[in-house]
C-alpha atoms as a PDB file:
ATOM      1  CA  MET A   1       3.995 -34.045 -13.487  1.00  0.00           C
ATOM      2  CA  ARG A   2       6.480 -32.293 -15.796  1.00  0.00           C
ATOM      3  CA  THR A   3       7.330 -28.652 -15.186  1.00  0.00           C
ATOM      4  CA  LYS A   4       9.808 -26.364 -16.876  1.00  0.00           C
ATOM      5  CA  THR A   5      10.992 -22.824 -16.206  1.00  0.00           C
ATOM      6  CA  LEU A   6      10.272 -20.579 -19.184  1.00  0.00           C
ATOM      7  CA  PRO A   7      13.402 -18.817 -20.507  1.00  0.00           C
ATOM      8  CA  TYR A   8      13.640 -15.045 -20.078  1.00  0.00           C
ATOM      9  CA  PHE A   9      12.809 -14.312 -23.689  1.00  0.00           C
ATOM     10  CA  ALA A  10       9.537 -16.162 -23.573  1.00  0.00           C
ATOM     11  CA  PHE A  11       6.060 -14.825 -23.521  1.00  0.00           C
ATOM     12  CA  ALA A  12       5.008 -11.965 -21.328  1.00  0.00           C
ATOM     13  CA  GLY A  13       2.606 -13.973 -19.260  1.00  0.00           C
ATOM     14  CA  LEU A  14      -0.720 -13.857 -20.996  1.00  0.00           C
ATOM     15  CA  LEU A  15      -2.716 -17.011 -21.308  1.00  0.00           C
ATOM     16  CA  GLY A  16      -3.596 -16.717 -24.928  1.00  0.00           C
ATOM     17  CA  LEU A  17      -3.695 -14.742 -28.083  1.00  0.00           C
ATOM     18  CA  ALA A  18      -6.317 -13.612 -30.517  1.00  0.00           C
ATOM     19  CA  PRO A  19      -8.202 -15.313 -33.241  1.00  0.00           C
ATOM     20  CA  GLN A  20      -7.375 -13.771 -36.569  1.00  0.00           C
ATOM     21  CA  LEU A  21      -9.549 -11.195 -38.203  1.00  0.00           C
ATOM     22  CA  ALA A  22     -11.565 -12.370 -41.189  1.00  0.00           C
ATOM     23  CA  GLY A  23      -9.459 -12.608 -44.280  1.00  0.00           C
ATOM     24  CA  ALA A  24      -6.125 -12.702 -42.485  1.00  0.00           C
ATOM     25  CA  ALA A  25      -3.389 -14.757 -44.087  1.00  0.00           C
ATOM     26  CA  GLU A  26      -2.641 -16.791 -40.993  1.00  0.00           C
ATOM     27  CA  PRO A  27      -4.867 -19.711 -39.966  1.00  0.00           C
ATOM     28  CA  GLU A  28      -7.025 -19.172 -36.930  1.00  0.00           C
ATOM     29  CA  VAL A  29      -5.397 -20.044 -33.642  1.00  0.00           C
ATOM     30  CA  THR A  30      -7.860 -21.377 -31.080  1.00  0.00           C
ATOM     31  CA  ALA A  31      -7.946 -21.069 -27.313  1.00  0.00           C
ATOM     32  CA  PRO A  32      -7.656 -24.846 -26.758  1.00  0.00           C
ATOM     33  CA  GLN A  33      -4.579 -24.903 -29.002  1.00  0.00           C
ATOM     34  CA  VAL A  34      -2.880 -22.173 -26.990  1.00  0.00           C
ATOM     35  CA  VAL A  35      -3.713 -23.642 -23.608  1.00  0.00           C
ATOM     36  CA  GLY A  36      -2.672 -27.095 -24.786  1.00  0.00           C
ATOM     37  CA  ALA A  37       0.636 -25.715 -26.028  1.00  0.00           C
ATOM     38  CA  ILE A  38       1.272 -24.071 -22.639  1.00  0.00           C
ATOM     39  CA  GLU A  39       0.560 -27.426 -20.981  1.00  0.00           C
ATOM     40  CA  GLY A  40       3.024 -29.035 -23.360  1.00  0.00           C
ATOM     41  CA  VAL A  41       5.772 -26.723 -22.110  1.00  0.00           C
ATOM     42  CA  PHE A  42       5.062 -26.770 -18.380  1.00  0.00           C
ATOM     43  CA  GLY A  43       2.995 -29.854 -17.761  1.00  0.00           C
ATOM     44  CA  VAL A  44      -0.203 -29.670 -15.720  1.00  0.00           C
ATOM     45  CA  THR A  45      -0.774 -29.053 -12.029  1.00  0.00           C
ATOM     46  CA  PRO A  46      -4.389 -30.263 -11.607  1.00  0.00           C
ATOM     47  CA  GLY A  47      -6.857 -27.641 -10.437  1.00  0.00           C
ATOM     48  CA  GLU A  48      -4.380 -24.772 -10.872  1.00  0.00           C
ATOM     49  CA  ARG A  49      -3.798 -22.009 -13.397  1.00  0.00           C
ATOM     50  CA  ARG A  50      -2.077 -22.974 -16.639  1.00  0.00           C
ATOM     51  CA  ASN A  51      -0.107 -19.735 -16.620  1.00  0.00           C
ATOM     52  CA  HIS A  52       1.012 -17.397 -13.851  1.00  0.00           C
ATOM     53  CA  ILE A  53       0.468 -20.356 -11.541  1.00  0.00           C
ATOM     54  CA  LYS A  54       2.739 -18.951  -8.821  1.00  0.00           C
ATOM     55  CA  GLY A  55       1.024 -15.990  -7.191  1.00  0.00           C
ATOM     56  CA  THR A  56       0.118 -14.000  -4.107  1.00  0.00           C
ATOM     57  CA  CYS A  57      -3.258 -12.496  -3.181  1.00  0.00           C
ATOM     58  CA  ALA A  58      -3.821  -8.985  -1.876  1.00  0.00           C
ATOM     59  CA  VAL A  59      -6.670  -6.610  -1.074  1.00  0.00           C
ATOM     60  CA  GLY A  60      -7.081  -2.862  -0.968  1.00  0.00           C
ATOM     61  CA  GLU A  61      -8.836  -0.006  -2.745  1.00  0.00           C
ATOM     62  CA  PHE A  62      -8.562   2.345  -5.692  1.00  0.00           C
ATOM     63  CA  VAL A  63      -9.455   6.035  -5.734  1.00  0.00           C
ATOM     64  CA  GLY A  64      -9.754   7.637  -9.152  1.00  0.00           C
ATOM     65  CA  SER A  65      -9.201  11.314  -9.862  1.00  0.00           C
ATOM     66  CA  LYS A  66     -11.288  13.984 -11.548  1.00  0.00           C
ATOM     67  CA  GLU A  67      -8.608  14.301 -14.235  1.00  0.00           C
ATOM     68  CA  ALA A  68      -9.648  10.893 -15.568  1.00  0.00           C
ATOM     69  CA  ALA A  69     -13.323  11.859 -15.656  1.00  0.00           C
ATOM     70  CA  VAL A  70     -12.465  14.200 -18.538  1.00  0.00           C
ATOM     71  CA  TYR A  71     -11.736  11.113 -20.647  1.00  0.00           C
ATOM     72  CA  SER A  72     -13.930   8.366 -19.151  1.00  0.00           C
ATOM     73  CA  ARG A  73     -17.333   8.161 -17.507  1.00  0.00           C
ATOM     74  CA  SER A  74     -16.291   4.951 -15.717  1.00  0.00           C
ATOM     75  CA  ALA A  75     -17.284   4.656 -12.057  1.00  0.00           C
ATOM     76  CA  LEU A  76     -13.618   3.863 -11.428  1.00  0.00           C
ATOM     77  CA  PHE A  77     -12.995   7.591 -11.544  1.00  0.00           C
ATOM     78  CA  SER A  78     -15.819   8.818  -9.304  1.00  0.00           C
ATOM     79  CA  GLY A  79     -13.350   9.938  -6.646  1.00  0.00           C
ATOM     80  CA  LYS A  80     -14.832   7.442  -4.183  1.00  0.00           C
ATOM     81  CA  PRO A  81     -12.892   4.414  -2.859  1.00  0.00           C
ATOM     82  CA  VAL A  82     -13.446   1.256  -4.905  1.00  0.00           C
ATOM     83  CA  PRO A  83     -12.648  -2.104  -3.232  1.00  0.00           C
ATOM     84  CA  VAL A  84      -9.957  -4.120  -5.026  1.00  0.00           C
ATOM     85  CA  VAL A  85      -8.880  -7.761  -5.016  1.00  0.00           C
ATOM     86  CA  ALA A  86      -5.360  -8.121  -6.446  1.00  0.00           C
ATOM     87  CA  ARG A  87      -3.084 -10.932  -7.496  1.00  0.00           C
ATOM     88  CA  PHE A  88       0.681 -10.655  -8.043  1.00  0.00           C
ATOM     89  CA  SER A  89       2.350 -13.442  -9.992  1.00  0.00           C
ATOM     90  CA  VAL A  90       5.301 -14.923 -11.865  1.00  0.00           C
ATOM     91  CA  THR A  91       4.753 -16.073 -15.439  1.00  0.00           C
ATOM     92  CA  GLY A  92       4.568 -19.691 -16.507  1.00  0.00           C
ATOM     93  CA  GLY A  93       2.951 -22.941 -15.447  1.00  0.00           C
ATOM     94  CA  ASN A  94       5.712 -24.127 -13.120  1.00  0.00           C
ATOM     95  CA  PRO A  95       4.698 -23.570  -9.454  1.00  0.00           C
ATOM     96  CA  LYS A  96       8.358 -23.847  -8.462  1.00  0.00           C
ATOM     97  CA  VAL A  97       9.682 -21.218 -10.867  1.00  0.00           C
ATOM     98  CA  PRO A  98      12.306 -19.186  -8.958  1.00  0.00           C
ATOM     99  CA  ASP A  99      11.534 -15.558  -8.175  1.00  0.00           C
ATOM    100  CA  THR A 100      14.968 -14.672  -9.539  1.00  0.00           C
ATOM    101  CA  ALA A 101      14.114 -15.857 -13.061  1.00  0.00           C
ATOM    102  CA  LYS A 102      14.435 -13.199 -15.735  1.00  0.00           C
ATOM    103  CA  ASN A 103      10.860 -13.541 -16.819  1.00  0.00           C
ATOM    104  CA  VAL A 104       7.637 -11.595 -16.443  1.00  0.00           C
ATOM    105  CA  ARG A 105       5.787 -10.507 -13.295  1.00  0.00           C
ATOM    106  CA  GLY A 106       2.074  -9.755 -13.296  1.00  0.00           C
ATOM    107  CA  MET A 107      -0.402  -7.643 -11.372  1.00  0.00           C
ATOM    108  CA  ALA A 108      -4.094  -8.425 -11.857  1.00  0.00           C
ATOM    109  CA  LEU A 109      -6.867  -6.317 -10.343  1.00  0.00           C
ATOM    110  CA  GLN A 110     -10.594  -6.789  -9.837  1.00  0.00           C
ATOM    111  CA  PHE A 111     -12.454  -3.564  -9.007  1.00  0.00           C
ATOM    112  CA  LYS A 112     -15.806  -3.968  -7.265  1.00  0.00           C
ATOM    113  CA  LEU A 113     -17.892  -1.066  -8.549  1.00  0.00           C
ATOM    114  CA  PRO A 114     -21.352   0.016  -7.359  1.00  0.00           C
ATOM    115  CA  ASP A 115     -24.438  -2.023  -8.301  1.00  0.00           C
ATOM    116  CA  GLY A 116     -22.441  -5.229  -8.560  1.00  0.00           C
ATOM    117  CA  GLN A 117     -20.397  -4.143 -11.569  1.00  0.00           C
ATOM    118  CA  LEU A 118     -16.865  -5.479 -11.989  1.00  0.00           C
ATOM    119  CA  HIS A 119     -13.880  -4.114 -13.859  1.00  0.00           C
ATOM    120  CA  GLN A 120     -10.696  -6.131 -14.286  1.00  0.00           C
ATOM    121  CA  MET A 121      -7.143  -5.419 -15.379  1.00  0.00           C
ATOM    122  CA  ALA A 122      -4.274  -7.797 -16.065  1.00  0.00           C
ATOM    123  CA  MET A 123      -0.878  -6.087 -16.319  1.00  0.00           C
ATOM    124  CA  LEU A 124       2.768  -7.000 -16.793  1.00  0.00           C
ATOM    125  CA  ASN A 125       6.057  -5.526 -15.622  1.00  0.00           C
ATOM    126  CA  THR A 126       7.264  -5.035 -19.188  1.00  0.00           C
ATOM    127  CA  PRO A 127       6.211  -2.048 -21.323  1.00  0.00           C
ATOM    128  CA  MET A 128       5.429  -4.294 -24.290  1.00  0.00           C
ATOM    129  CA  PHE A 129       4.197  -7.791 -25.068  1.00  0.00           C
ATOM    130  CA  GLY A 130       6.221 -10.457 -26.866  1.00  0.00           C
ATOM    131  CA  ALA A 131       3.832 -11.327 -29.696  1.00  0.00           C
ATOM    132  CA  ALA A 132       1.704  -9.352 -32.115  1.00  0.00           C
ATOM    133  CA  SER A 133      -0.377 -12.318 -33.265  1.00  0.00           C
ATOM    134  CA  PRO A 134      -1.677 -15.680 -32.141  1.00  0.00           C
ATOM    135  CA  GLN A 135       0.632 -17.450 -34.540  1.00  0.00           C
ATOM    136  CA  THR A 136       3.720 -15.922 -32.943  1.00  0.00           C
ATOM    137  CA  PHE A 137       2.623 -17.044 -29.518  1.00  0.00           C
ATOM    138  CA  LEU A 138       1.718 -20.546 -30.659  1.00  0.00           C
ATOM    139  CA  ASP A 139       4.987 -20.869 -32.572  1.00  0.00           C
ATOM    140  CA  LEU A 140       6.871 -19.864 -29.426  1.00  0.00           C
ATOM    141  CA  MET A 141       5.105 -22.479 -27.336  1.00  0.00           C
ATOM    142  CA  LEU A 142       5.818 -25.121 -29.973  1.00  0.00           C
ATOM    143  CA  ALA A 143       9.488 -24.114 -30.086  1.00  0.00           C
ATOM    144  CA  LEU A 144       9.662 -24.442 -26.295  1.00  0.00           C
ATOM    145  CA  GLN A 145       8.260 -27.980 -26.198  1.00  0.00           C
ATOM    146  CA  PRO A 146      10.867 -30.118 -24.399  1.00  0.00           C
ATOM    147  CA  ASP A 147      12.841 -32.613 -26.443  1.00  0.00           C
ATOM    148  CA  PRO A 148      12.052 -36.095 -25.042  1.00  0.00           C
ATOM    149  CA  ALA A 149      15.748 -36.967 -25.130  1.00  0.00           C
ATOM    150  CA  THR A 150      16.952 -33.978 -23.109  1.00  0.00           C
ATOM    151  CA  GLY A 151      13.876 -32.673 -21.303  1.00  0.00           C
ATOM    152  CA  LYS A 152      14.782 -29.207 -22.603  1.00  0.00           C
ATOM    153  CA  PRO A 153      13.765 -27.097 -25.606  1.00  0.00           C
ATOM    154  CA  ASP A 154      15.707 -27.700 -28.809  1.00  0.00           C
ATOM    155  CA  PRO A 155      18.113 -24.729 -29.205  1.00  0.00           C
ATOM    156  CA  GLU A 156      17.813 -24.904 -32.990  1.00  0.00           C
ATOM    157  CA  LYS A 157      14.028 -24.535 -32.830  1.00  0.00           C
ATOM    158  CA  MET A 158      14.376 -21.499 -30.561  1.00  0.00           C
ATOM    159  CA  LYS A 159      16.979 -20.009 -32.898  1.00  0.00           C
ATOM    160  CA  ALA A 160      14.630 -20.466 -35.837  1.00  0.00           C
ATOM    161  CA  PHE A 161      11.733 -18.969 -33.885  1.00  0.00           C
ATOM    162  CA  LYS A 162      13.641 -15.821 -32.990  1.00  0.00           C
ATOM    163  CA  ALA A 163      14.900 -15.398 -36.553  1.00  0.00           C
ATOM    164  CA  SER A 164      11.389 -15.639 -38.011  1.00  0.00           C
ATOM    165  CA  HIS A 165       9.439 -13.665 -35.375  1.00  0.00           C
ATOM    166  CA  PRO A 166      10.802 -10.120 -34.984  1.00  0.00           C
ATOM    167  CA  ASP A 167       7.733  -9.110 -32.961  1.00  0.00           C
ATOM    168  CA  ASN A 168       9.184 -11.120 -30.048  1.00  0.00           C
ATOM    169  CA  LEU A 169      12.437  -9.151 -30.019  1.00  0.00           C
ATOM    170  CA  ALA A 170      11.592  -5.987 -28.049  1.00  0.00           C
ATOM    171  CA  GLN A 171      10.266  -7.788 -24.989  1.00  0.00           C
ATOM    172  CA  ALA A 172      13.069 -10.340 -25.121  1.00  0.00           C
ATOM    173  CA  GLN A 173      15.647  -7.556 -25.097  1.00  0.00           C
ATOM    174  CA  TYR A 174      13.861  -5.769 -22.262  1.00  0.00           C
ATOM    175  CA  LEU A 175      13.819  -8.871 -20.075  1.00  0.00           C
ATOM    176  CA  ALA A 176      17.450  -9.677 -20.856  1.00  0.00           C
ATOM    177  CA  SER A 177      18.628  -6.191 -19.921  1.00  0.00           C
ATOM    178  CA  HIS A 178      16.535  -5.657 -16.760  1.00  0.00           C
ATOM    179  CA  ASN A 179      16.977  -7.689 -13.588  1.00  0.00           C
ATOM    180  CA  PRO A 180      13.804  -8.853 -11.821  1.00  0.00           C
ATOM    181  CA  PRO A 181      12.164  -6.528  -9.262  1.00  0.00           C
ATOM    182  CA  ALA A 182      13.318  -6.657  -5.640  1.00  0.00           C
ATOM    183  CA  SER A 183       9.655  -6.714  -4.586  1.00  0.00           C
ATOM    184  CA  TYR A 184       6.239  -6.574  -6.175  1.00  0.00           C
ATOM    185  CA  ALA A 185       5.887  -3.320  -4.213  1.00  0.00           C
ATOM    186  CA  SER A 186       8.827  -1.800  -6.097  1.00  0.00           C
ATOM    187  CA  SER A 187       7.748  -2.766  -9.598  1.00  0.00           C
ATOM    188  CA  ALA A 188       5.838  -0.812 -12.206  1.00  0.00           C
ATOM    189  CA  PHE A 189       3.142  -2.629 -14.168  1.00  0.00           C
ATOM    190  CA  TRP A 190       1.924  -1.787 -17.681  1.00  0.00           C
ATOM    191  CA  GLY A 191      -1.510  -2.399 -19.178  1.00  0.00           C
ATOM    192  CA  ILE A 192       0.313  -3.416 -22.414  1.00  0.00           C
ATOM    193  CA  HIS A 193      -2.708  -2.862 -24.675  1.00  0.00           C
ATOM    194  CA  THR A 194      -4.424   0.238 -26.016  1.00  0.00           C
ATOM    195  CA  PHE A 195      -7.909   0.858 -24.627  1.00  0.00           C
ATOM    196  CA  ARG A 196     -10.760   3.240 -25.459  1.00  0.00           C
ATOM    197  CA  PHE A 197     -11.837   5.700 -22.778  1.00  0.00           C
ATOM    198  CA  ILE A 198     -15.380   6.975 -23.406  1.00  0.00           C
ATOM    199  CA  ASP A 199     -16.687  10.184 -21.807  1.00  0.00           C
ATOM    200  CA  ARG A 200     -20.271  11.252 -21.047  1.00  0.00           C
ATOM    201  CA  GLN A 201     -20.676  12.642 -24.554  1.00  0.00           C
ATOM    202  CA  ASP A 202     -19.464   9.342 -26.066  1.00  0.00           C
ATOM    203  CA  LYS A 203     -16.183  10.900 -27.171  1.00  0.00           C
ATOM    204  CA  VAL A 204     -13.483   8.226 -27.492  1.00  0.00           C
ATOM    205  CA  THR A 205      -9.858   8.728 -26.452  1.00  0.00           C
ATOM    206  CA  LEU A 206      -7.216   6.083 -27.086  1.00  0.00           C
ATOM    207  CA  VAL A 207      -5.130   5.458 -23.975  1.00  0.00           C
ATOM    208  CA  ARG A 208      -2.530   3.211 -22.421  1.00  0.00           C
ATOM    209  CA  TRP A 209      -1.764   3.002 -18.722  1.00  0.00           C
ATOM    210  CA  ARG A 210       0.773   1.908 -16.188  1.00  0.00           C
ATOM    211  CA  PHE A 211       0.898   1.683 -12.389  1.00  0.00           C
ATOM    212  CA  VAL A 212       4.014   3.218 -10.821  1.00  0.00           C
ATOM    213  CA  PRO A 213       4.996   2.304  -7.219  1.00  0.00           C
ATOM    214  CA  GLN A 214       5.186   5.133  -4.709  1.00  0.00           C
ATOM    215  CA  ASP A 215       7.909   3.110  -2.976  1.00  0.00           C
ATOM    216  CA  GLY A 216      10.034   3.717  -6.075  1.00  0.00           C
ATOM    217  CA  GLU A 217      11.182   1.180  -8.635  1.00  0.00           C
ATOM    218  CA  LYS A 218      13.957  -1.132  -7.478  1.00  0.00           C
ATOM    219  CA  ARG A 219      15.469  -4.155  -9.178  1.00  0.00           C
ATOM    220  CA  LEU A 220      17.750  -6.828  -7.788  1.00  0.00           C
ATOM    221  CA  SER A 221      21.439  -6.143  -8.272  1.00  0.00           C
ATOM    222  CA  ASP A 222      23.530  -8.867  -9.886  1.00  0.00           C
ATOM    223  CA  ASP A 223      24.816  -9.837  -6.430  1.00  0.00           C
ATOM    224  CA  GLU A 224      21.314  -9.869  -4.945  1.00  0.00           C
ATOM    225  CA  LEU A 225      20.165 -12.019  -7.838  1.00  0.00           C
ATOM    226  CA  LYS A 226      22.544 -14.729  -6.646  1.00  0.00           C
ATOM    227  CA  THR A 227      21.419 -14.651  -2.996  1.00  0.00           C
ATOM    228  CA  ALA A 228      17.736 -13.635  -3.021  1.00  0.00           C
ATOM    229  CA  GLY A 229      16.421 -17.205  -3.016  1.00  0.00           C
ATOM    230  CA  ALA A 230      13.684 -18.878  -5.005  1.00  0.00           C
ATOM    231  CA  ASN A 231      10.657 -17.667  -3.047  1.00  0.00           C
ATOM    232  CA  PHE A 232      11.273 -14.161  -1.717  1.00  0.00           C
ATOM    233  CA  LEU A 233       8.505 -12.222  -3.501  1.00  0.00           C
ATOM    234  CA  GLU A 234       5.525 -13.385  -1.427  1.00  0.00           C
ATOM    235  CA  PRO A 235       7.027 -12.958   2.072  1.00  0.00           C
ATOM    236  CA  THR A 236       8.533  -9.624   1.037  1.00  0.00           C
ATOM    237  CA  LEU A 237       5.136  -8.286  -0.071  1.00  0.00           C
ATOM    238  CA  ILE A 238       3.372  -9.612   3.016  1.00  0.00           C
ATOM    239  CA  ALA A 239       5.984  -8.025   5.282  1.00  0.00           C
ATOM    240  CA  ARG A 240       5.763  -4.728   3.404  1.00  0.00           C
ATOM    241  CA  THR A 241       1.976  -4.519   3.806  1.00  0.00           C
ATOM    242  CA  GLN A 242       2.349  -5.242   7.517  1.00  0.00           C
ATOM    243  CA  GLN A 243       4.482  -2.111   7.769  1.00  0.00           C
ATOM    244  CA  GLY A 244       1.792   0.012   6.132  1.00  0.00           C
ATOM    245  CA  PRO A 245      -0.198   0.468   2.914  1.00  0.00           C
ATOM    246  CA  VAL A 246       1.566   0.016  -0.433  1.00  0.00           C
ATOM    247  CA  ARG A 247       0.552   2.447  -3.179  1.00  0.00           C
ATOM    248  CA  TRP A 248       0.824   2.751  -6.944  1.00  0.00           C
ATOM    249  CA  ASP A 249      -0.111   5.812  -9.023  1.00  0.00           C
ATOM    250  CA  MET A 250      -2.120   5.050 -12.152  1.00  0.00           C
ATOM    251  CA  LEU A 251      -0.670   7.054 -15.040  1.00  0.00           C
ATOM    252  CA  LEU A 252      -2.678   7.422 -18.221  1.00  0.00           C
ATOM    253  CA  THR A 253      -0.925   8.036 -21.548  1.00  0.00           C
ATOM    254  CA  ILE A 254      -3.036   9.915 -24.099  1.00  0.00           C
ATOM    255  CA  GLY A 255      -2.753   8.584 -27.631  1.00  0.00           C
ATOM    256  CA  GLN A 256      -2.406  10.617 -30.808  1.00  0.00           C
ATOM    257  CA  PRO A 257      -3.428   9.804 -34.379  1.00  0.00           C
ATOM    258  CA  GLY A 258      -1.045   7.253 -35.845  1.00  0.00           C
ATOM    259  CA  ASP A 259      -0.023   5.690 -32.521  1.00  0.00           C
ATOM    260  CA  PRO A 260      -0.116   1.883 -32.661  1.00  0.00           C
ATOM    261  CA  GLU A 261      -3.562   0.799 -31.527  1.00  0.00           C
ATOM    262  CA  ASP A 262      -3.750  -2.927 -32.221  1.00  0.00           C
ATOM    263  CA  ASN A 263      -0.155  -4.093 -31.709  1.00  0.00           C
ATOM    264  CA  PRO A 264       1.001  -4.537 -28.079  1.00  0.00           C
ATOM    265  CA  THR A 265       4.619  -5.134 -29.116  1.00  0.00           C
ATOM    266  CA  LEU A 266       5.011  -1.515 -30.275  1.00  0.00           C
ATOM    267  CA  SER A 267       5.552   1.302 -27.780  1.00  0.00           C
ATOM    268  CA  TRP A 268       4.137   4.811 -28.100  1.00  0.00           C
ATOM    269  CA  PRO A 269       6.440   7.822 -28.389  1.00  0.00           C
ATOM    270  CA  ALA A 270       7.912   8.832 -25.027  1.00  0.00           C
ATOM    271  CA  GLU A 271       6.700  12.432 -25.378  1.00  0.00           C
ATOM    272  CA  ARG A 272       2.999  11.528 -25.225  1.00  0.00           C
ATOM    273  CA  ARG A 273       1.026  13.374 -22.556  1.00  0.00           C
ATOM    274  CA  GLU A 274       0.625  11.565 -19.230  1.00  0.00           C
ATOM    275  CA  VAL A 275      -1.995  12.206 -16.566  1.00  0.00           C
ATOM    276  CA  LYS A 276      -2.217  10.779 -13.058  1.00  0.00           C
ATOM    277  CA  VAL A 277      -5.733   9.341 -12.840  1.00  0.00           C
ATOM    278  CA  GLY A 278      -5.833   7.510  -9.525  1.00  0.00           C
ATOM    279  CA  THR A 279      -4.067   5.677  -6.729  1.00  0.00           C
ATOM    280  CA  LEU A 280      -4.139   1.971  -5.922  1.00  0.00           C
ATOM    281  CA  THR A 281      -3.633   1.159  -2.236  1.00  0.00           C
ATOM    282  CA  ILE A 282      -2.863  -2.408  -1.120  1.00  0.00           C
ATOM    283  CA  THR A 283      -3.470  -2.897   2.593  1.00  0.00           C
ATOM    284  CA  ALA A 284      -2.843  -6.623   3.046  1.00  0.00           C
ATOM    285  CA  ALA A 285      -1.271  -9.532   1.185  1.00  0.00           C
ATOM    286  CA  MET A 286      -1.519 -13.254   1.833  1.00  0.00           C
ATOM    287  CA  PRO A 287      -0.801 -16.693   0.265  1.00  0.00           C
ATOM    288  CA  GLN A 288      -3.263 -17.386  -2.530  1.00  0.00           C
ATOM    289  CA  LYS A 289      -4.573 -20.738  -1.301  1.00  0.00           C
ATOM    290  CA  GLY A 290      -8.114 -20.096  -0.086  1.00  0.00           C
ATOM    291  CA  ALA A 291      -7.782 -16.323  -0.416  1.00  0.00           C
ATOM    292  CA  ALA A 292     -10.067 -14.046  -2.422  1.00  0.00           C
ATOM    293  CA  CYS A 293      -7.953 -13.897  -5.571  1.00  0.00           C
ATOM    294  CA  GLU A 294      -7.587 -17.655  -6.014  1.00  0.00           C
ATOM    295  CA  GLY A 295     -10.917 -18.219  -7.738  1.00  0.00           C
ATOM    296  CA  ILE A 296     -10.918 -15.070  -9.879  1.00  0.00           C
ATOM    297  CA  ASN A 297     -10.238 -15.394 -13.599  1.00  0.00           C
ATOM    298  CA  PHE A 298      -8.996 -11.789 -14.038  1.00  0.00           C
ATOM    299  CA  ASP A 299     -10.240 -11.677 -17.631  1.00  0.00           C
ATOM    300  CA  PRO A 300      -9.253  -8.142 -18.774  1.00  0.00           C
ATOM    301  CA  LEU A 301     -12.254  -7.968 -21.090  1.00  0.00           C
ATOM    302  CA  VAL A 302     -14.528  -7.773 -18.042  1.00  0.00           C
ATOM    303  CA  MET A 303     -14.981  -4.013 -18.271  1.00  0.00           C
ATOM    304  CA  ALA A 304     -17.537  -1.607 -16.882  1.00  0.00           C
ATOM    305  CA  ASP A 305     -19.096   1.223 -18.867  1.00  0.00           C
ATOM    306  CA  GLY A 306     -16.676   3.982 -19.882  1.00  0.00           C
ATOM    307  CA  ILE A 307     -13.725   1.762 -20.840  1.00  0.00           C
ATOM    308  CA  ALA A 308     -13.702  -0.471 -23.915  1.00  0.00           C
ATOM    309  CA  ALA A 309     -11.358  -2.749 -25.835  1.00  0.00           C
ATOM    310  CA  THR A 310      -9.658  -1.929 -29.108  1.00  0.00           C
ATOM    311  CA  ASN A 311      -9.302  -4.460 -31.911  1.00  0.00           C
ATOM    312  CA  ASP A 312      -5.930  -5.610 -30.588  1.00  0.00           C
ATOM    313  CA  PRO A 313      -6.042  -9.337 -31.425  1.00  0.00           C
ATOM    314  CA  VAL A 314      -3.941 -10.263 -28.402  1.00  0.00           C
ATOM    315  CA  LEU A 315      -6.324  -8.485 -26.061  1.00  0.00           C
ATOM    316  CA  LYS A 316      -9.480  -9.839 -27.660  1.00  0.00           C
ATOM    317  CA  PHE A 317      -8.480 -13.485 -27.423  1.00  0.00           C
ATOM    318  CA  ARG A 318      -7.457 -13.406 -23.800  1.00  0.00           C
ATOM    319  CA  SER A 319     -11.072 -13.914 -22.751  1.00  0.00           C
ATOM    320  CA  PRO A 320     -11.649 -17.259 -24.528  1.00  0.00           C
ATOM    321  CA  ALA A 321      -8.176 -18.504 -23.590  1.00  0.00           C
ATOM    322  CA  TYR A 322      -8.701 -17.605 -19.940  1.00  0.00           C
ATOM    323  CA  ALA A 323     -12.080 -19.357 -20.091  1.00  0.00           C
ATOM    324  CA  VAL A 324     -10.531 -22.611 -21.354  1.00  0.00           C
ATOM    325  CA  SER A 325      -7.953 -22.586 -18.576  1.00  0.00           C
ATOM    326  CA  PHE A 326     -10.536 -21.632 -15.957  1.00  0.00           C
ATOM    327  CA  GLY A 327     -12.849 -24.431 -17.045  1.00  0.00           C
ATOM    328  CA  LYS A 328     -10.059 -26.948 -16.622  1.00  0.00           C
ATOM    329  CA  ARG A 329      -9.279 -25.575 -13.176  1.00  0.00           C
ATOM    330  CA  LEU A 330     -12.899 -25.840 -12.062  1.00  0.00           C
ATOM    331  CA  SER A 331     -13.118 -29.445 -13.237  1.00  0.00           C
ATOM    332  CA  GLY A 332      -9.962 -30.375 -11.336  1.00  0.00           C
ATOM    333  CA  GLN A 333      -7.914 -31.009 -14.452  1.00  0.00           C
END
């Protein structure tokens, strides 16, 4: 099996990107292409995720607030506790990727709503994504394919990729200038995409969200980065939950006309209104093998009534790409 650690500037940790809209200039990028390209970079660990392979399971609950009910009729915001299965992860398909790598961390949530409904979120610890189109993502994966002679990506191909894909720049700069989190419990996580909140009168509000840790945000210092070790994130989270519940506030940003809706590489203006709309509480964490999160796909297009997708091509293609990877996992590939 061949595995490689993805450089810091690489993709934000989503499995795939979107098919192009009809009439677009770029050729359609398919889910099998994307998943195959990821496998070409990292190799394959049979029966495991193709991306975000290294992860930790957790359980808890979410309680939404009445402030959110102004914008969405979703049962998430009923004010009653909603059971949650969570998964925290490090990007890439290398199960031995060090926790000190300057790459992306993820938090995925499955909310178990009344009447068997599910709602899922898949978030990253960067405010933006590293590709605005499927072609950018595929080109990145192709540039990262290891040279057979060296076992490493060709620096000239990466140089050419960065020069020709400015939509990758903002996330690359963010990752380069921010050390990794000291703990999952001290990291914020962004929803990355724009979503539609729909109220009881069918009024639509464009929103983005992030989860902010009540423990406060803390990153490794340069000295800690050298001594933290390759596998500190899981035991640190488990130990923290044994001390007591870990909580994140869900903050909703309200969009205005003209705010980018379909491009996850572009941030909204900092002065946009924010509303606290709920609190996530994690009560226990555990290794993922055999735990509740292991078999969940965490497709972010699994959404209950009151929250809907935009036409963001990155968001819309995550579902088929996740399905390709999940199918391979189930078949033991």
